[in-house]
All heavy atoms as atom14 arrays in JSON, in Angstrom:
{
  "sequence": "EGGHWALKDNLVTSTLVHQGGKRLSALAWLCAVA",
  "atom14_mask": [
    [1, 1, 1, 1, 1, 1, 1, 1, 1, 0, 0, 0, 0, 0],
    [1, 1, 1, 1, 0, 0, 0, 0, 0, 0, 0, 0, 0, 0],
    [1, 1, 1, 1, 0, 0, 0, 0, 0, 0, 0, 0, 0, 0],
    [1, 1, 1, 1, 1, 1, 1, 1, 1, 1, 0, 0, 0, 0],
    [1, 1, 1, 1, 1, 1, 1, 1, 1, 1, 1, 1, 1, 1],
    [1, 1, 1, 1, 1, 0, 0, 0, 0, 0, 0, 0, 0, 0],
    [1, 1, 1, 1, 1, 1, 1, 1, 0, 0, 0, 0, 0, 0],
    [1, 1, 1, 1, 1, 1, 1, 1, 1, 0, 0, 0, 0, 0],
    [1, 1, 1, 1, 1, 1, 1, 1, 0, 0, 0, 0, 0, 0],
    [1, 1, 1, 1, 1, 1, 1, 1, 0, 0, 0, 0, 0, 0],
    [1, 1, 1, 1, 1, 1, 1, 1, 0, 0, 0, 0, 0, 0],
    [1, 1, 1, 1, 1, 1, 1, 0, 0, 0, 0, 0, 0, 0],
    [1, 1, 1, 1, 1, 1, 1, 0, 0, 0, 0, 0, 0, 0],
    [1, 1, 1, 1, 1, 1, 0, 0, 0, 0, 0, 0, 0, 0],
    [1, 1, 1, 1, 1, 1, 1, 0, 0, 0, 0, 0, 0, 0],
    [1, 1, 1, 1, 1, 1, 1, 1, 0, 0, 0, 0, 0, 0],
    [1, 1, 1, 1, 1, 1, 1, 0, 0, 0, 0, 0, 0, 0],
    [1, 1, 1, 1, 1, 1, 1, 1, 1, 1, 0, 0, 0, 0],
    [1, 1, 1, 1, 1, 1, 1, 1, 1, 0, 0, 0, 0, 0],
    [1, 1, 1, 1, 0, 0, 0, 0, 0, 0, 0, 0, 0, 0],
    [1, 1, 1, 1, 0, 0, 0, 0, 0, 0, 0, 0, 0, 0],
    [1, 1, 1, 1, 1, 1, 1, 1, 1, 0, 0, 0, 0, 0],
    [1, 1, 1, 1, 1, 1, 1, 1, 1, 1, 1, 0, 0, 0],
    [1, 1, 1, 1, 1, 1, 1, 1, 0, 0, 0, 0, 0, 0],
    [1, 1, 1, 1, 1, 1, 0, 0, 0, 0, 0, 0, 0, 0],
    [1, 1, 1, 1, 1, 0, 0, 0, 0, 0, 0, 0, 0, 0],
    [1, 1, 1, 1, 1, 1, 1, 1, 0, 0, 0, 0, 0, 0],
    [1, 1, 1, 1, 1, 0, 0, 0, 0, 0, 0, 0, 0, 0],
    [1, 1, 1, 1, 1, 1, 1, 1, 1, 1, 1, 1, 1, 1],
    [1, 1, 1, 1, 1, 1, 1, 1, 0, 0, 0, 0, 0, 0],
    [1, 1, 1, 1, 1, 1, 0, 0, 0, 0, 0, 0, 0, 0],
    [1, 1, 1, 1, 1, 0, 0, 0, 0, 0, 0, 0, 0, 0],
    [1, 1, 1, 1, 1, 1, 1, 0, 0, 0, 0, 0, 0, 0],
    [1, 1, 1, 1, 1, 0, 0, 0, 0, 0, 0, 0, 0, 0]
  ],
  "atom14_positions": [
    [[24.31, 19.32, 4.37], [24.55, 17.87, 4.34], [25.89, 17.5, 4.97], [26.34, 16.34, 4.85], [24.44, 17.35, 2.91], [23.04, 17.47, 2.33], [22.91, 16.92, 0.92], [23.59, 15.92, 0.61], [22.15, 17.51, 0.12], [0.0, 0.0, 0.0], [0.0, 0.0, 0.0], [0.0, 0.0, 0.0], [0.0, 0.0, 0.0], [0.0, 0.0, 0.0]],
    [[26.54, 18.47, 5.59], [27.78, 18.17, 6.31], [29.05, 18.36, 5.53], [30.08, 17.76, 5.88], [0.0, 0.0, 0.0], [0.0, 0.0, 0.0], [0.0, 0.0, 0.0], [0.0, 0.0, 0.0], [0.0, 0.0, 0.0], [0.0, 0.0, 0.0], [0.0, 0.0, 0.0], [0.0, 0.0, 0.0], [0.0, 0.0, 0.0], [0.0, 0.0, 0.0]],
    [[29.02, 19.17, 4.47], [30.23, 19.38, 3.67], [30.5, 18.26, 2.69], [31.63, 18.12, 2.19], [0.0, 0.0, 0.0], [0.0, 0.0, 0.0], [0.0, 0.0, 0.0], [0.0, 0.0, 0.0], [0.0, 0.0, 0.0], [0.0, 0.0, 0.0], [0.0, 0.0, 0.0], [0.0, 0.0, 0.0], [0.0, 0.0, 0.0], [0.0, 0.0, 0.0]],
    [[29.52, 17.46, 2.42], [29.61, 16.42, 1.37], [28.17, 16.09, 0.95], [27.21, 16.45, 1.63], [30.33, 15.17, 1.89], [29.59, 14.45, 2.97], [29.49, 14.93, 4.27], [28.9, 13.28, 2.96], [28.78, 14.1, 5.0], [28.4, 13.09, 4.23], [0.0, 0.0, 0.0], [0.0, 0.0, 0.0], [0.0, 0.0, 0.0], [0.0, 0.0, 0.0]],
    [[28.05, 15.43, -0.19], [26.71, 15.12, -0.69], [26.21, 13.84, -0.02], [26.26, 12.76, -0.57], [26.72, 14.99, -2.21], [27.1, 16.26, -2.91], [28.26, 16.51, -3.58], [26.34, 17.46, -2.96], [28.28, 17.8, -4.05], [27.09, 18.41, -3.68], [25.09, 17.84, -2.46], [26.64, 19.7, -3.93], [24.64, 19.13, -2.7], [25.4, 20.04, -3.43]],
    [[25.72, 14.0, 1.2], [25.29, 12.86, 2.01], [24.11, 12.11, 1.39], [23.92, 10.92, 1.66], [24.92, 13.32, 3.42], [0.0, 0.0, 0.0], [0.0, 0.0, 0.0], [0.0, 0.0, 0.0], [0.0, 0.0, 0.0], [0.0, 0.0, 0.0], [0.0, 0.0, 0.0], [0.0, 0.0, 0.0], [0.0, 0.0, 0.0], [0.0, 0.0, 0.0]],
    [[23.33, 12.8, 0.56], [22.13, 12.18, -0.04], [22.38, 11.66, -1.45], [21.44, 11.26, -2.13], [20.99, 13.19, -0.06], [20.53, 13.7, 1.31], [19.42, 14.73, 1.16], [20.07, 12.56, 2.19], [0.0, 0.0, 0.0], [0.0, 0.0, 0.0], [0.0, 0.0, 0.0], [0.0, 0.0, 0.0], [0.0, 0.0, 0.0], [0.0, 0.0, 0.0]],
    [[23.65, 11.65, -1.86], [23.96, 11.22, -3.23], [23.5, 9.79, -3.49], [22.94, 9.5, -4.56], [25.46, 11.34, -3.48], [25.89, 10.97, -4.89], [27.38, 11.2, -5.09], [27.8, 10.85, -6.52], [29.25, 11.1, -6.74], [0.0, 0.0, 0.0], [0.0, 0.0, 0.0], [0.0, 0.0, 0.0], [0.0, 0.0, 0.0], [0.0, 0.0, 0.0]],
    [[23.74, 8.89, -2.56], [23.37, 7.48, -2.72], [22.29, 7.06, -1.72], [22.16, 5.88, -1.41], [24.61, 6.59, -2.55], [25.67, 6.9, -3.6], [25.32, 7.0, -4.78], [26.86, 7.06, -3.22], [0.0, 0.0, 0.0], [0.0, 0.0, 0.0], [0.0, 0.0, 0.0], [0.0, 0.0, 0.0], [0.0, 0.0, 0.0], [0.0, 0.0, 0.0]],
    [[21.51, 8.05, -1.28], [20.46, 7.78, -0.31], [19.34, 6.94, -0.94], [19.06, 7.04, -2.13], [19.91, 9.12, 0.19], [18.81, 8.94, 1.22], [17.64, 8.91, 0.87], [19.18, 8.82, 2.48], [0.0, 0.0, 0.0], [0.0, 0.0, 0.0], [0.0, 0.0, 0.0], [0.0, 0.0, 0.0], [0.0, 0.0, 0.0], [0.0, 0.0, 0.0]],
    [[18.71, 6.12, -0.1], [17.65, 5.23, -0.6], [16.51, 6.02, -1.24], [16.0, 5.64, -2.3], [17.11, 4.38, 0.56], [15.9, 3.49, 0.24], [16.3, 2.42, -0.76], [15.36, 2.86, 1.52], [0.0, 0.0, 0.0], [0.0, 0.0, 0.0], [0.0, 0.0, 0.0], [0.0, 0.0, 0.0], [0.0, 0.0, 0.0], [0.0, 0.0, 0.0]],
    [[16.11, 7.14, -0.63], [14.98, 7.91, -1.14], [15.37, 8.68, -2.4], [14.7, 8.57, -3.44], [14.44, 8.87, -0.07], [13.36, 9.77, -0.65], [13.89, 8.09, 1.11], [0.0, 0.0, 0.0], [0.0, 0.0, 0.0], [0.0, 0.0, 0.0], [0.0, 0.0, 0.0], [0.0, 0.0, 0.0], [0.0, 0.0, 0.0], [0.0, 0.0, 0.0]],
    [[16.44, 9.47, -2.32], [16.8, 10.32, -3.45], [17.36, 9.55, -4.64], [17.05, 9.85, -5.78], [17.84, 11.37, -3.02], [18.98, 10.7, -2.45], [17.25, 12.33, -2.0], [0.0, 0.0, 0.0], [0.0, 0.0, 0.0], [0.0, 0.0, 0.0], [0.0, 0.0, 0.0], [0.0, 0.0, 0.0], [0.0, 0.0, 0.0], [0.0, 0.0, 0.0]],
    [[18.17, 8.54, -4.37], [18.81, 7.8, -5.46], [17.96, 6.65, -5.98], [17.72, 6.54, -7.19], [20.16, 7.26, -4.99], [20.79, 6.53, -6.03], [0.0, 0.0, 0.0], [0.0, 0.0, 0.0], [0.0, 0.0, 0.0], [0.0, 0.0, 0.0], [0.0, 0.0, 0.0], [0.0, 0.0, 0.0], [0.0, 0.0, 0.0], [0.0, 0.0, 0.0]],
    [[17.46, 5.82, -5.08], [16.73, 4.62, -5.52], [15.27, 4.91, -5.82], [14.77, 4.6, -6.91], [16.83, 3.52, -4.44], [18.21, 3.24, -4.16], [16.14, 2.24, -4.92], [0.0, 0.0, 0.0], [0.0, 0.0, 0.0], [0.0, 0.0, 0.0], [0.0, 0.0, 0.0], [0.0, 0.0, 0.0], [0.0, 0.0, 0.0], [0.0, 0.0, 0.0]],
    [[14.58, 5.52, -4.85], [13.14, 5.73, -4.99], [12.82, 6.8, -6.02], [12.06, 6.56, -6.97], [12.53, 6.07, -3.64], [11.02, 6.28, -3.61], [10.3, 5.01, -4.03], [10.55, 6.71, -2.22], [0.0, 0.0, 0.0], [0.0, 0.0, 0.0], [0.0, 0.0, 0.0], [0.0, 0.0, 0.0], [0.0, 0.0, 0.0], [0.0, 0.0, 0.0]],
    [[13.39, 8.01, -5.84], [13.02, 9.13, -6.71], [13.75, 9.07, -8.05], [13.13, 9.24, -9.11], [13.29, 10.47, -6.01], [12.92, 11.63, -6.92], [12.5, 10.56, -4.71], [0.0, 0.0, 0.0], [0.0, 0.0, 0.0], [0.0, 0.0, 0.0], [0.0, 0.0, 0.0], [0.0, 0.0, 0.0], [0.0, 0.0, 0.0], [0.0, 0.0, 0.0]],
    [[15.06, 8.85, -8.02], [15.82, 8.89, -9.27], [15.53, 7.68, -10.15], [15.03, 7.81, -11.27], [17.32, 8.98, -8.96], [18.16, 9.13, -10.19], [19.26, 8.34, -10.46], [18.06, 10.0, -11.22], [19.79, 8.7, -11.61], [19.08, 9.71, -12.1], [0.0, 0.0, 0.0], [0.0, 0.0, 0.0], [0.0, 0.0, 0.0], [0.0, 0.0, 0.0]],
    [[15.81, 6.49, -9.64], [15.61, 5.3, -10.45], [14.12, 4.95, -10.59], [13.64, 4.69, -11.69], [16.37, 4.12, -9.84], [17.88, 4.34, -9.78], [18.6, 3.18, -9.11], [18.1, 2.06, -9.03], [19.8, 3.44, -8.61], [0.0, 0.0, 0.0], [0.0, 0.0, 0.0], [0.0, 0.0, 0.0], [0.0, 0.0, 0.0], [0.0, 0.0, 0.0]],
    [[13.41, 4.95, -9.45], [12.0, 4.61, -9.5], [11.17, 5.62, -10.27], [10.27, 5.25, -11.03], [0.0, 0.0, 0.0], [0.0, 0.0, 0.0], [0.0, 0.0, 0.0], [0.0, 0.0, 0.0], [0.0, 0.0, 0.0], [0.0, 0.0, 0.0], [0.0, 0.0, 0.0], [0.0, 0.0, 0.0], [0.0, 0.0, 0.0], [0.0, 0.0, 0.0]],
    [[11.46, 6.9, -10.08], [10.72, 7.94, -10.79], [10.9, 7.86, -12.29], [9.95, 8.04, -13.07], [0.0, 0.0, 0.0], [0.0, 0.0, 0.0], [0.0, 0.0, 0.0], [0.0, 0.0, 0.0], [0.0, 0.0, 0.0], [0.0, 0.0, 0.0], [0.0, 0.0, 0.0], [0.0, 0.0, 0.0], [0.0, 0.0, 0.0], [0.0, 0.0, 0.0]],
    [[12.13, 7.58, -12.71], [12.4, 7.45, -14.14], [11.63, 6.28, -14.74], [11.06, 6.38, -15.84], [13.9, 7.28, -14.35], [14.35, 7.18, -15.77], [15.87, 7.38, -15.89], [16.63, 6.47, -14.98], [18.1, 6.63, -15.14], [0.0, 0.0, 0.0], [0.0, 0.0, 0.0], [0.0, 0.0, 0.0], [0.0, 0.0, 0.0], [0.0, 0.0, 0.0]],
    [[11.59, 5.17, -14.02], [10.87, 4.0, -14.51], [9.37, 4.24, -14.52], [8.67, 3.79, -15.44], [11.21, 2.79, -13.64], [12.65, 2.32, -13.81], [13.03, 1.3, -12.76], [14.43, 0.9, -12.9], [15.11, 0.22, -12.0], [14.51, -0.16, -10.88], [16.37, -0.1, -12.2], [0.0, 0.0, 0.0], [0.0, 0.0, 0.0], [0.0, 0.0, 0.0]],
    [[8.86, 4.94, -13.53], [7.44, 5.24, -13.47], [7.02, 6.13, -14.65], [5.98, 5.91, -15.27], [7.1, 5.93, -12.16], [5.63, 6.31, -11.95], [4.75, 5.06, -11.96], [5.45, 7.06, -10.64], [0.0, 0.0, 0.0], [0.0, 0.0, 0.0], [0.0, 0.0, 0.0], [0.0, 0.0, 0.0], [0.0, 0.0, 0.0], [0.0, 0.0, 0.0]],
    [[7.85, 7.13, -14.97], [7.56, 8.01, -16.1], [7.58, 7.23, -17.41], [6.71, 7.42, -18.27], [8.57, 9.15, -16.15], [8.31, 10.01, -17.24], [0.0, 0.0, 0.0], [0.0, 0.0, 0.0], [0.0, 0.0, 0.0], [0.0, 0.0, 0.0], [0.0, 0.0, 0.0], [0.0, 0.0, 0.0], [0.0, 0.0, 0.0], [0.0, 0.0, 0.0]],
    [[8.56, 6.34, -17.55], [8.64, 5.53, -18.77], [7.44, 4.6, -18.89], [6.88, 4.41, -19.99], [9.93, 4.72, -18.77], [0.0, 0.0, 0.0], [0.0, 0.0, 0.0], [0.0, 0.0, 0.0], [0.0, 0.0, 0.0], [0.0, 0.0, 0.0], [0.0, 0.0, 0.0], [0.0, 0.0, 0.0], [0.0, 0.0, 0.0], [0.0, 0.0, 0.0]],
    [[7.01, 4.03, -17.76], [5.83, 3.15, -17.77], [4.58, 3.92, -18.14], [3.73, 3.44, -18.91], [5.67, 2.51, -16.4], [4.47, 1.56, -16.23], [4.58, 0.39, -17.19], [4.39, 1.06, -14.78], [0.0, 0.0, 0.0], [0.0, 0.0, 0.0], [0.0, 0.0, 0.0], [0.0, 0.0, 0.0], [0.0, 0.0, 0.0], [0.0, 0.0, 0.0]],
    [[4.44, 5.15, -17.61], [3.28, 5.98, -17.95], [3.27, 6.3, -19.44], [2.21, 6.3, -20.08], [3.3, 7.26, -17.13], [0.0, 0.0, 0.0], [0.0, 0.0, 0.0], [0.0, 0.0, 0.0], [0.0, 0.0, 0.0], [0.0, 0.0, 0.0], [0.0, 0.0, 0.0], [0.0, 0.0, 0.0], [0.0, 0.0, 0.0], [0.0, 0.0, 0.0]],
    [[4.45, 6.56, -20.01], [4.52, 6.85, -21.44], [4.13, 5.62, -22.27], [3.41, 5.74, -23.26], [5.93, 7.31, -21.81], [6.06, 7.72, -23.25], [5.65, 8.9, -23.81], [6.59, 6.93, -24.31], [5.92, 8.9, -25.16], [6.49, 7.71, -25.5], [7.16, 5.67, -24.39], [6.94, 7.24, -26.73], [7.6, 5.2, -25.62], [7.49, 5.98, -26.77]],
    [[4.59, 4.44, -21.86], [4.23, 3.22, -22.58], [2.73, 2.96, -22.5], [2.13, 2.48, -23.47], [5.01, 2.04, -22.01], [6.51, 2.01, -22.3], [7.18, 0.85, -21.57], [6.77, 1.91, -23.81], [0.0, 0.0, 0.0], [0.0, 0.0, 0.0], [0.0, 0.0, 0.0], [0.0, 0.0, 0.0], [0.0, 0.0, 0.0], [0.0, 0.0, 0.0]],
    [[2.13, 3.29, -21.37], [0.67, 3.16, -21.25], [-0.04, 4.12, -22.2], [-1.05, 3.75, -22.82], [0.24, 3.44, -19.82], [0.69, 2.16, -18.63], [0.0, 0.0, 0.0], [0.0, 0.0, 0.0], [0.0, 0.0, 0.0], [0.0, 0.0, 0.0], [0.0, 0.0, 0.0], [0.0, 0.0, 0.0], [0.0, 0.0, 0.0], [0.0, 0.0, 0.0]],
    [[0.5, 5.33, -22.35], [-0.08, 6.29, -23.29], [0.06, 5.79, -24.72], [-0.86, 5.96, -25.55], [0.6, 7.65, -23.13], [0.0, 0.0, 0.0], [0.0, 0.0, 0.0], [0.0, 0.0, 0.0], [0.0, 0.0, 0.0], [0.0, 0.0, 0.0], [0.0, 0.0, 0.0], [0.0, 0.0, 0.0], [0.0, 0.0, 0.0], [0.0, 0.0, 0.0]],
    [[1.19, 5.17, -25.04], [1.38, 4.6, -26.37], [0.37, 3.49, -26.62], [-0.23, 3.4, -27.7], [2.83, 4.06, -26.53], [2.97, 3.26, -27.83], [3.83, 5.2, -26.51], [0.0, 0.0, 0.0], [0.0, 0.0, 0.0], [0.0, 0.0, 0.0], [0.0, 0.0, 0.0], [0.0, 0.0, 0.0], [0.0, 0.0, 0.0], [0.0, 0.0, 0.0]],
    [[0.19, 2.62, -25.62], [-0.78, 1.52, -25.76], [-2.19, 2.06, -25.96], [-2.95, 1.56, -26.8], [-0.71, 0.63, -24.53], [0.0, 0.0, 0.0], [0.0, 0.0, 0.0], [0.0, 0.0, 0.0], [0.0, 0.0, 0.0], [0.0, 0.0, 0.0], [0.0, 0.0, 0.0], [0.0, 0.0, 0.0], [0.0, 0.0, 0.0], [0.0, 0.0, 0.0]]
  ]
}
């Protein structure tokens, strides 16, 4: 990544996978509860 964490705040890794993935998992769990 060039001697630094270039993907730390990347749209895919940070927004889509990290934030979006966490919300998707939580939503799936709430659906299971329902």
